[in-house]
Amino acid sequence: MENAKLFVIDYQLHGDHKSFIVRAETMDNADAWHWASCDAGIGRIGRYGHEKVKKVSRPLAERYGISDVKWRQSG
């Protein structure tokens, strides 16, 4: 993770605002929805950097009450 950056992810969980910071090399909307689901306890984070984990999609995350996911680079 030599090129890792910090990203702030904001989302709503059952109407409550949540926010957290994650370190990653890249970020896009699909990654942000997956990370929000991990923060909410729905998604799974791989144990090792090379372990492939199926990402939680936006429709699945919305079924669990996640909405309004936004992300930006910190700083």
PDB file of N, CA and C in Angstrom:
ATOM      1  N   MET A   1       0.827  -1.187   0.000  1.00  0.00           N
ATOM      2  CA  MET A   1       0.000   0.000   0.000  1.00  0.00           C
ATOM      3  C   MET A   1       0.868   1.247   0.000  1.00  0.00           C
ATOM      4  N   GLU A   2       1.838   1.239  -0.838  1.00  0.00           N
ATOM      5  CA  GLU A   2       2.748   2.367  -0.921  1.00  0.00           C
ATOM      6  C   GLU A   2       2.046   3.636  -1.392  1.00  0.00           C
ATOM      7  N   ASN A   3       1.064   3.492  -2.279  1.00  0.00           N
ATOM      8  CA  ASN A   3       0.343   4.636  -2.838  1.00  0.00           C
ATOM      9  C   ASN A   3      -1.004   4.857  -2.166  1.00  0.00           C
ATOM     10  N   ALA A   4      -1.170   4.365  -0.962  1.00  0.00           N
ATOM     11  CA  ALA A   4      -2.460   4.452  -0.285  1.00  0.00           C
ATOM     12  C   ALA A   4      -2.790   5.896   0.089  1.00  0.00           C
ATOM     13  N   LYS A   5      -4.074   6.208   0.012  1.00  0.00           N
ATOM     14  CA  LYS A   5      -4.589   7.520   0.371  1.00  0.00           C
ATOM     15  C   LYS A   5      -5.696   7.324   1.402  1.00  0.00           C
ATOM     16  N   LEU A   6      -6.069   8.396   2.073  1.00  0.00           N
ATOM     17  CA  LEU A   6      -7.168   8.350   3.030  1.00  0.00           C
ATOM     18  C   LEU A   6      -8.434   8.881   2.366  1.00  0.00           C
ATOM     19  N   PHE A   7      -9.536   8.154   2.554  1.00  0.00           N
ATOM     20  CA  PHE A   7     -10.822   8.548   2.004  1.00  0.00           C
ATOM     21  C   PHE A   7     -11.848   8.611   3.131  1.00  0.00           C
ATOM     22  N   VAL A   8     -12.690   9.632   3.095  1.00  0.00           N
ATOM     23  CA  VAL A   8     -13.781   9.781   4.050  1.00  0.00           C
ATOM     24  C   VAL A   8     -15.047   9.265   3.369  1.00  0.00           C
ATOM     25  N   ILE A   9     -15.762   8.373   4.042  1.00  0.00           N
ATOM     26  CA  ILE A   9     -17.013   7.835   3.512  1.00  0.00           C
ATOM     27  C   ILE A   9     -18.132   8.200   4.476  1.00  0.00           C
ATOM     28  N   ASP A  10     -19.143   8.879   3.950  1.00  0.00           N
ATOM     29  CA  ASP A  10     -20.334   9.257   4.709  1.00  0.00           C
ATOM     30  C   ASP A  10     -21.512   8.467   4.163  1.00  0.00           C
ATOM     31  N   TYR A  11     -22.389   8.018   5.051  1.00  0.00           N
ATOM     32  CA  TYR A  11     -23.579   7.287   4.614  1.00  0.00           C
ATOM     33  C   TYR A  11     -24.657   7.364   5.684  1.00  0.00           C
ATOM     34  N   GLN A  12     -25.839   6.905   5.324  1.00  0.00           N
ATOM     35  CA  GLN A  12     -26.973   6.830   6.246  1.00  0.00           C
ATOM     36  C   GLN A  12     -27.272   5.355   6.515  1.00  0.00           C
ATOM     37  N   LEU A  13     -27.486   5.008   7.769  1.00  0.00           N
ATOM     38  CA  LEU A  13     -27.882   3.653   8.153  1.00  0.00           C
ATOM     39  C   LEU A  13     -29.191   3.775   8.928  1.00  0.00           C
ATOM     40  N   HIS A  14     -30.284   3.368   8.301  1.00  0.00           N
ATOM     41  CA  HIS A  14     -31.625   3.492   8.884  1.00  0.00           C
ATOM     42  C   HIS A  14     -31.893   4.935   9.328  1.00  0.00           C
ATOM     43  N   GLY A  15     -31.421   5.882   8.523  1.00  0.00           N
ATOM     44  CA  GLY A  15     -31.668   7.292   8.799  1.00  0.00           C
ATOM     45  C   GLY A  15     -30.649   7.977   9.692  1.00  0.00           C
ATOM     46  N   ASP A  16     -29.721   7.228  10.282  1.00  0.00           N
ATOM     47  CA  ASP A  16     -28.683   7.810  11.132  1.00  0.00           C
ATOM     48  C   ASP A  16     -27.426   8.059  10.315  1.00  0.00           C
ATOM     49  N   HIS A  17     -26.825   9.253  10.475  1.00  0.00           N
ATOM     50  CA  HIS A  17     -25.609   9.594   9.748  1.00  0.00           C
ATOM     51  C   HIS A  17     -24.415   8.842  10.332  1.00  0.00           C
ATOM     52  N   LYS A  18     -23.601   8.270   9.459  1.00  0.00           N
ATOM     53  CA  LYS A  18     -22.370   7.578   9.855  1.00  0.00           C
ATOM     54  C   LYS A  18     -21.240   8.109   8.985  1.00  0.00           C
ATOM     55  N   SER A  19     -20.040   8.113   9.523  1.00  0.00           N
ATOM     56  CA  SER A  19     -18.877   8.581   8.783  1.00  0.00           C
ATOM     57  C   SER A  19     -17.646   7.848   9.303  1.00  0.00           C
ATOM     58  N   PHE A  20     -16.714   7.541   8.400  1.00  0.00           N
ATOM     59  CA  PHE A  20     -15.473   6.896   8.801  1.00  0.00           C
ATOM     60  C   PHE A  20     -14.410   7.160   7.743  1.00  0.00           C
ATOM     61  N   ILE A  21     -13.176   6.839   8.074  1.00  0.00           N
ATOM     62  CA  ILE A  21     -12.044   7.026   7.165  1.00  0.00           C
ATOM     63  C   ILE A  21     -11.449   5.656   6.861  1.00  0.00           C
ATOM     64  N   VAL A  22     -11.112   5.449   5.593  1.00  0.00           N
ATOM     65  CA  VAL A  22     -10.494   4.198   5.176  1.00  0.00           C
ATOM     66  C   VAL A  22      -9.250   4.522   4.346  1.00  0.00           C
ATOM     67  N   ARG A  23      -8.225   3.694   4.493  1.00  0.00           N
ATOM     68  CA  ARG A  23      -7.009   3.853   3.709  1.00  0.00           C
ATOM     69  C   ARG A  23      -7.073   2.876   2.541  1.00  0.00           C
ATOM     70  N   ALA A  24      -6.932   3.385   1.326  1.00  0.00           N
ATOM     71  CA  ALA A  24      -6.980   2.547   0.127  1.00  0.00           C
ATOM     72  C   ALA A  24      -6.177   3.224  -0.978  1.00  0.00           C
ATOM     73  N   GLU A  25      -5.757   2.424  -1.945  1.00  0.00           N
ATOM     74  CA  GLU A  25      -5.029   2.978  -3.080  1.00  0.00           C
ATOM     75  C   GLU A  25      -5.960   3.728  -4.020  1.00  0.00           C
ATOM     76  N   THR A  26      -7.158   3.186  -4.236  1.00  0.00           N
ATOM     77  CA  THR A  26      -8.144   3.818  -5.107  1.00  0.00           C
ATOM     78  C   THR A  26      -9.518   3.735  -4.442  1.00  0.00           C
ATOM     79  N   MET A  27     -10.441   4.564  -4.931  1.00  0.00           N
ATOM     80  CA  MET A  27     -11.806   4.533  -4.432  1.00  0.00           C
ATOM     81  C   MET A  27     -12.734   4.884  -5.588  1.00  0.00           C
ATOM     82  N   ASP A  28     -13.860   4.183  -5.651  1.00  0.00           N
ATOM     83  CA  ASP A  28     -14.920   4.523  -6.591  1.00  0.00           C
ATOM     84  C   ASP A  28     -16.241   4.276  -5.873  1.00  0.00           C
ATOM     85  N   ASN A  29     -17.352   4.508  -6.566  1.00  0.00           N
ATOM     86  CA  ASN A  29     -18.655   4.365  -5.913  1.00  0.00           C
ATOM     87  C   ASN A  29     -18.911   2.943  -5.434  1.00  0.00           C
ATOM     88  N   ALA A  30     -18.549   1.938  -6.237  1.00  0.00           N
ATOM     89  CA  ALA A  30     -18.767   0.543  -5.835  1.00  0.00           C
ATOM     90  C   ALA A  30     -17.970   0.212  -4.579  1.00  0.00           C
ATOM     91  N   ASP A  31     -16.714   0.675  -4.524  1.00  0.00           N
ATOM     92  CA  ASP A  31     -15.895   0.446  -3.330  1.00  0.00           C
ATOM     93  C   ASP A  31     -16.492   1.149  -2.111  1.00  0.00           C
ATOM     94  N   ALA A  32     -16.977   2.376  -2.306  1.00  0.00           N
ATOM     95  CA  ALA A  32     -17.547   3.134  -1.185  1.00  0.00           C
ATOM     96  C   ALA A  32     -18.776   2.431  -0.616  1.00  0.00           C
ATOM     97  N   TRP A  33     -19.645   1.901  -1.487  1.00  0.00           N
ATOM     98  CA  TRP A  33     -20.822   1.164  -0.997  1.00  0.00           C
ATOM     99  C   TRP A  33     -20.386  -0.088  -0.243  1.00  0.00           C
ATOM    100  N   HIS A  34     -19.364  -0.779  -0.738  1.00  0.00           N
ATOM    101  CA  HIS A  34     -18.876  -1.971  -0.047  1.00  0.00           C
ATOM    102  C   HIS A  34     -18.299  -1.603   1.319  1.00  0.00           C
ATOM    103  N   TRP A  35     -17.458  -0.554   1.381  1.00  0.00           N
ATOM    104  CA  TRP A  35     -16.864  -0.160   2.652  1.00  0.00           C
ATOM    105  C   TRP A  35     -17.920   0.317   3.648  1.00  0.00           C
ATOM    106  N   ALA A  36     -18.946   1.003   3.152  1.00  0.00           N
ATOM    107  CA  ALA A  36     -20.038   1.432   4.045  1.00  0.00           C
ATOM    108  C   ALA A  36     -20.747   0.219   4.620  1.00  0.00           C
ATOM    109  N   SER A  37     -20.949  -0.820   3.800  1.00  0.00           N
ATOM    110  CA  SER A  37     -21.601  -2.033   4.308  1.00  0.00           C
ATOM    111  C   SER A  37     -20.711  -2.744   5.319  1.00  0.00           C
ATOM    112  N   CYS A  38     -19.403  -2.690   5.131  1.00  0.00           N
ATOM    113  CA  CYS A  38     -18.486  -3.281   6.117  1.00  0.00           C
ATOM    114  C   CYS A  38     -18.566  -2.527   7.439  1.00  0.00           C
ATOM    115  N   ASP A  39     -18.594  -1.206   7.369  1.00  0.00           N
ATOM    116  CA  ASP A  39     -18.695  -0.397   8.580  1.00  0.00           C
ATOM    117  C   ASP A  39     -20.005  -0.655   9.312  1.00  0.00           C
ATOM    118  N   ALA A  40     -21.064  -0.937   8.552  1.00  0.00           N
ATOM    119  CA  ALA A  40     -22.377  -1.195   9.143  1.00  0.00           C
ATOM    120  C   ALA A  40     -22.514  -2.628   9.657  1.00  0.00           C
ATOM    121  N   GLY A  41     -21.519  -3.473   9.404  1.00  0.00           N
ATOM    122  CA  GLY A  41     -21.564  -4.850   9.888  1.00  0.00           C
ATOM    123  C   GLY A  41     -22.204  -5.830   8.926  1.00  0.00           C
ATOM    124  N   ILE A  42     -22.399  -5.425   7.688  1.00  0.00           N
ATOM    125  CA  ILE A  42     -23.034  -6.296   6.692  1.00  0.00           C
ATOM    126  C   ILE A  42     -21.992  -6.964   5.801  1.00  0.00           C
ATOM    127  N   GLY A  43     -21.038  -6.171   5.340  1.00  0.00           N
ATOM    128  CA  GLY A  43     -20.000  -6.674   4.437  1.00  0.00           C
ATOM    129  C   GLY A  43     -18.877  -7.360   5.187  1.00  0.00           C
ATOM    130  N   ARG A  44     -18.005  -7.961   4.429  1.00  0.00           N
ATOM    131  CA  ARG A  44     -16.883  -8.700   4.996  1.00  0.00           C
ATOM    132  C   ARG A  44     -15.575  -8.129   4.472  1.00  0.00           C
ATOM    133  N   ILE A  45     -14.597  -7.997   5.360  1.00  0.00           N
ATOM    134  CA  ILE A  45     -13.255  -7.556   4.997  1.00  0.00           C
ATOM    135  C   ILE A  45     -12.367  -8.792   5.009  1.00  0.00           C
ATOM    136  N   GLY A  46     -11.606  -8.987   3.946  1.00  0.00           N
ATOM    137  CA  GLY A  46     -10.718 -10.148   3.864  1.00  0.00           C
ATOM    138  C   GLY A  46      -9.647 -10.120   4.948  1.00  0.00           C
ATOM    139  N   ARG A  47      -9.222 -11.280   5.381  1.00  0.00           N
ATOM    140  CA  ARG A  47      -8.214 -11.353   6.437  1.00  0.00           C
ATOM    141  C   ARG A  47      -6.833 -10.940   5.959  1.00  0.00           C
ATOM    142  N   TYR A  48      -6.544 -11.205   4.722  1.00  0.00           N
ATOM    143  CA  TYR A  48      -5.231 -10.900   4.179  1.00  0.00           C
ATOM    144  C   TYR A  48      -5.415  -9.997   2.971  1.00  0.00           C
ATOM    145  N   GLY A  49      -4.403  -9.236   2.649  1.00  0.00           N
ATOM    146  CA  GLY A  49      -4.493  -8.319   1.528  1.00  0.00           C
ATOM    147  C   GLY A  49      -4.776  -8.988   0.197  1.00  0.00           C
ATOM    148  N   HIS A  50      -4.438 -10.267   0.083  1.00  0.00           N
ATOM    149  CA  HIS A  50      -4.615 -10.968  -1.184  1.00  0.00           C
ATOM    150  C   HIS A  50      -5.885 -11.804  -1.224  1.00  0.00           C
ATOM    151  N   GLU A  51      -6.606 -11.888  -0.120  1.00  0.00           N
ATOM    152  CA  GLU A  51      -7.841 -12.681  -0.088  1.00  0.00           C
ATOM    153  C   GLU A  51      -8.935 -11.945  -0.852  1.00  0.00           C
ATOM    154  N   LYS A  52      -9.544 -12.627  -1.808  1.00  0.00           N
ATOM    155  CA  LYS A  52     -10.615 -12.030  -2.600  1.00  0.00           C
ATOM    156  C   LYS A  52     -11.940 -12.198  -1.864  1.00  0.00           C
ATOM    157  N   VAL A  53     -12.636 -11.099  -1.661  1.00  0.00           N
ATOM    158  CA  VAL A  53     -13.926 -11.093  -0.986  1.00  0.00           C
ATOM    159  C   VAL A  53     -14.941 -10.491  -1.947  1.00  0.00           C
ATOM    160  N   LYS A  54     -16.106 -11.108  -2.053  1.00  0.00           N
ATOM    161  CA  LYS A  54     -17.151 -10.573  -2.919  1.00  0.00           C
ATOM    162  C   LYS A  54     -17.669  -9.266  -2.323  1.00  0.00           C
ATOM    163  N   LYS A  55     -17.680  -8.215  -3.144  1.00  0.00           N
ATOM    164  CA  LYS A  55     -18.142  -6.913  -2.676  1.00  0.00           C
ATOM    165  C   LYS A  55     -19.656  -6.900  -2.523  1.00  0.00           C
ATOM    166  N   VAL A  56     -20.107  -6.143  -1.547  1.00  0.00           N
ATOM    167  CA  VAL A  56     -21.543  -5.927  -1.345  1.00  0.00           C
ATOM    168  C   VAL A  56     -21.988  -4.871  -2.350  1.00  0.00           C
ATOM    169  N   SER A  57     -23.000  -5.180  -3.127  1.00  0.00           N
ATOM    170  CA  SER A  57     -23.489  -4.254  -4.141  1.00  0.00           C
ATOM    171  C   SER A  57     -24.415  -3.201  -3.520  1.00  0.00           C
ATOM    172  N   ARG A  58     -24.648  -2.143  -4.273  1.00  0.00           N
ATOM    173  CA  ARG A  58     -25.546  -1.091  -3.802  1.00  0.00           C
ATOM    174  C   ARG A  58     -26.954  -1.618  -3.532  1.00  0.00           C
ATOM    175  N   PRO A  59     -27.561  -2.401  -4.448  1.00  0.00           N
ATOM    176  CA  PRO A  59     -28.912  -2.903  -4.155  1.00  0.00           C
ATOM    177  C   PRO A  59     -28.977  -3.752  -2.881  1.00  0.00           C
ATOM    178  N   LEU A  60     -27.964  -4.577  -2.637  1.00  0.00           N
ATOM    179  CA  LEU A  60     -27.963  -5.400  -1.428  1.00  0.00           C
ATOM    180  C   LEU A  60     -27.788  -4.517  -0.190  1.00  0.00           C
ATOM    181  N   ALA A  61     -26.907  -3.541  -0.268  1.00  0.00           N
ATOM    182  CA  ALA A  61     -26.691  -2.634   0.862  1.00  0.00           C
ATOM    183  C   ALA A  61     -27.966  -1.852   1.184  1.00  0.00           C
ATOM    184  N   GLU A  62     -28.685  -1.438   0.133  1.00  0.00           N
ATOM    185  CA  GLU A  62     -29.922  -0.693   0.353  1.00  0.00           C
ATOM    186  C   GLU A  62     -30.983  -1.554   1.036  1.00  0.00           C
ATOM    187  N   ARG A  63     -30.977  -2.847   0.769  1.00  0.00           N
ATOM    188  CA  ARG A  63     -31.930  -3.744   1.452  1.00  0.00           C
ATOM    189  C   ARG A  63     -31.678  -3.810   2.950  1.00  0.00           C
ATOM    190  N   TYR A  64     -30.434  -3.559   3.360  1.00  0.00           N
ATOM    191  CA  TYR A  64     -30.082  -3.580   4.775  1.00  0.00           C
ATOM    192  C   TYR A  64     -30.156  -2.203   5.424  1.00  0.00           C
ATOM    193  N   GLY A  65     -30.673  -1.198   4.709  1.00  0.00           N
ATOM    194  CA  GLY A  65     -30.887   0.109   5.302  1.00  0.00           C
ATOM    195  C   GLY A  65     -29.797   1.131   5.067  1.00  0.00           C
ATOM    196  N   ILE A  66     -28.846   0.839   4.189  1.00  0.00           N
ATOM    197  CA  ILE A  66     -27.779   1.791   3.883  1.00  0.00           C
ATOM    198  C   ILE A  66     -28.235   2.664   2.716  1.00  0.00           C
ATOM    199  N   SER A  67     -27.991   3.965   2.835  1.00  0.00           N
ATOM    200  CA  SER A  67     -28.369   4.878   1.756  1.00  0.00           C
ATOM    201  C   SER A  67     -27.423   6.071   1.745  1.00  0.00           C
ATOM    202  N   ASP A  68     -27.520   6.869   0.701  1.00  0.00           N
ATOM    203  CA  ASP A  68     -26.827   8.152   0.584  1.00  0.00           C
ATOM    204  C   ASP A  68     -25.323   8.036   0.845  1.00  0.00           C
ATOM    205  N   VAL A  69     -24.670   7.087   0.179  1.00  0.00           N
ATOM    206  CA  VAL A  69     -23.223   6.888   0.354  1.00  0.00           C
ATOM    207  C   VAL A  69     -22.471   7.917  -0.483  1.00  0.00           C
ATOM    208  N   LYS A  70     -21.589   8.658   0.160  1.00  0.00           N
ATOM    209  CA  LYS A  70     -20.749   9.649  -0.507  1.00  0.00           C
ATOM    210  C   LYS A  70     -19.324   9.468  -0.014  1.00  0.00           C
ATOM    211  N   TRP A  71     -18.374   9.735  -0.891  1.00  0.00           N
ATOM    212  CA  TRP A  71     -16.974   9.606  -0.491  1.00  0.00           C
ATOM    213  C   TRP A  71     -16.180  10.764  -1.061  1.00  0.00           C
ATOM    214  N   ARG A  72     -15.045  11.048  -0.406  1.00  0.00           N
ATOM    215  CA  ARG A  72     -14.113  12.078  -0.862  1.00  0.00           C
ATOM    216  C   ARG A  72     -12.734  11.755  -0.303  1.00  0.00           C
ATOM    217  N   GLN A  73     -11.729  12.267  -0.971  1.00  0.00           N
ATOM    218  CA  GLN A  73     -10.384  12.074  -0.472  1.00  0.00           C
ATOM    219  C   GLN A  73     -10.147  13.015   0.693  1.00  0.00           C
ATOM    220  N   SER A  74      -9.527  12.524   1.734  1.00  0.00           N
ATOM    221  CA  SER A  74      -9.258  13.326   2.914  1.00  0.00           C
ATOM    222  C   SER A  74      -8.152  14.337   2.619  1.00  0.00           C
ATOM    223  N   GLY A  75      -8.243  15.479   3.253  1.00  0.00           N
ATOM    224  CA  GLY A  75      -7.197  16.476   3.129  1.00  0.00           C
ATOM    225  C   GLY A  75      -7.419  17.339   1.978  1.00  0.00           C
TER     226      GLY A  75
END
